[in-house]
Every structure is written in C-alpha cells, then in structure tokens.
Amino acid sequence: MTVEDIRKRLEEIKTREQAATRPPWIDTSTKETVGCIASVHEDDYADICCDIELDDREADRAFISNSRDDIPWLITIVESLLEADDARTT
C-alpha cells in the first residue's frame, strides 16, 4: 500500500463520515427499545439503527455508537501523520 493509496482511502472514508448523520450517536436502548443507536440533539432525533439482535450485544452497540466520534478522530490523526511525512520528505 502506497501513501497515495492511503490518501485515496482516507478521502473515501471522510466522504462517508461527512455524509452520515451528525454526532453524537448514543445507545438509547431500554427495555422497550432494545438495541437502538440514535443521534440525539435538542432540535433533532434520528434513529441510526434499531435491531432486536443488538439487545444483548452491548459491545457491538458501544462500537457503533462510539464510531461517530472515533472515525473523525482517527481521520485527524492520519492526516497529521501524512502531513508530517510530507514535511519530512520535502
């Protein structure tokens, strides 16, 4: 994998991330609504995914709900590393 491959893939990930429902995503699971992840704001509420199969899979719900914040953080780190590499090689 080349640096250009990484840049291309990073741009694809950024495009998907920017098109997704805005953060935060939280686990809104209760006894009545098991396995639900939602984007919750004062002015807006959007179900991201609700699946009965997720009701007993807390680790999966945590992964999904945290991904909305984790992915932008990872993008920032990779961009910083690529910029540092650019500065080192020029």
Protein backbone atom coordinates (compact mmCIF):
# COMPACT_ATOMS: atom_id res chain seq x y z
CA MET A 1 0.00 0.00 0.00
CA THR A 2 1.39 3.36 -1.02
CA VAL A 3 0.90 6.77 0.57
CA GLU A 4 -1.33 7.67 -2.36
CA ASP A 5 -3.46 4.57 -1.67
CA ILE A 6 -3.80 5.72 1.94
CA ARG A 7 -4.76 9.26 0.89
CA LYS A 8 -7.38 7.94 -1.54
CA ARG A 9 -8.90 5.60 1.05
CA LEU A 10 -8.85 8.36 3.66
CA GLU A 11 -10.79 10.66 1.31
CA GLU A 12 -13.38 7.93 0.74
CA ILE A 13 -13.77 7.46 4.49
CA LYS A 14 -14.04 11.24 5.05
CA THR A 15 -16.76 11.49 2.41
CA ARG A 16 -18.82 8.78 4.11
CA GLU A 17 -18.19 10.29 7.55
CA GLN A 18 -19.26 13.77 6.45
CA ALA A 19 -22.43 12.43 4.83
CA ALA A 20 -23.50 10.47 7.91
CA THR A 21 -25.99 11.76 10.47
CA ARG A 22 -24.32 14.27 12.76
CA PRO A 23 -22.89 13.19 16.10
CA PRO A 24 -23.27 12.35 18.87
CA TRP A 25 -24.60 8.87 18.42
CA ILE A 26 -25.71 7.27 21.63
CA ASP A 27 -27.02 3.92 22.77
CA THR A 28 -30.69 4.61 23.56
CA SER A 29 -31.54 1.01 24.38
CA THR A 30 -34.14 0.46 27.07
CA LYS A 31 -36.37 -2.46 27.95
CA GLU A 32 -38.89 -1.10 25.44
CA THR A 33 -36.42 -0.24 22.64
CA VAL A 34 -33.66 -2.79 22.76
CA GLY A 35 -30.63 -2.49 20.51
CA CYS A 36 -31.08 1.14 19.42
CA ILE A 37 -28.46 3.72 18.45
CA ALA A 38 -29.65 7.27 17.80
CA SER A 39 -28.43 10.77 17.07
CA VAL A 40 -29.98 12.91 19.79
CA HIS A 41 -29.99 16.71 19.85
CA GLU A 42 -32.24 19.33 21.41
CA ASP A 43 -33.65 20.13 17.97
CA ASP A 44 -33.43 16.70 16.34
CA TYR A 45 -33.66 12.96 16.95
CA ALA A 46 -32.77 10.29 14.41
CA ASP A 47 -32.62 6.52 14.83
CA ILE A 48 -29.36 5.28 13.33
CA CYS A 49 -30.11 1.62 13.81
CA CYS A 50 -32.55 -0.41 15.86
CA ASP A 51 -32.22 -4.15 15.82
CA ILE A 52 -33.53 -6.68 18.31
CA GLU A 53 -30.37 -8.69 17.60
CA LEU A 54 -28.32 -5.95 19.30
CA ASP A 55 -30.21 -6.08 22.59
CA ASP A 56 -27.76 -8.44 24.27
CA ARG A 57 -24.67 -7.28 22.37
CA GLU A 58 -23.56 -4.31 24.44
CA ALA A 59 -20.05 -4.33 22.93
CA ASP A 60 -21.49 -4.01 19.41
CA ARG A 61 -23.76 -1.15 20.49
CA ALA A 62 -20.79 0.61 22.13
CA PHE A 63 -18.71 0.17 18.97
CA ILE A 64 -21.44 1.57 16.71
CA SER A 65 -22.36 4.50 18.95
CA ASN A 66 -18.71 5.49 19.52
CA SER A 67 -17.72 5.13 15.86
CA ARG A 68 -19.29 8.51 15.04
CA ASP A 69 -16.71 10.21 17.26
CA ASP A 70 -13.87 7.71 16.80
CA ILE A 71 -13.72 7.90 12.99
CA PRO A 72 -13.29 11.71 12.79
CA TRP A 73 -10.59 11.46 15.49
CA LEU A 74 -8.76 8.76 13.53
CA ILE A 75 -9.05 10.81 10.32
CA THR A 76 -7.42 13.76 12.09
CA ILE A 77 -4.56 11.57 13.36
CA VAL A 78 -3.91 10.01 9.94
CA GLU A 79 -3.99 13.43 8.26
CA SER A 80 -1.46 14.73 10.81
CA LEU A 81 0.82 11.77 10.19
CA LEU A 82 0.58 12.27 6.42
CA GLU A 83 1.36 16.00 6.81
CA ALA A 84 4.37 15.15 9.00
CA ASP A 85 5.55 12.66 6.37
CA ASP A 86 5.11 15.30 3.64
CA ALA A 87 7.14 17.81 5.65
CA ARG A 88 9.87 15.25 6.29
CA THR A 89 10.18 14.22 2.64
CA THR A 90 10.14 17.72 1.10
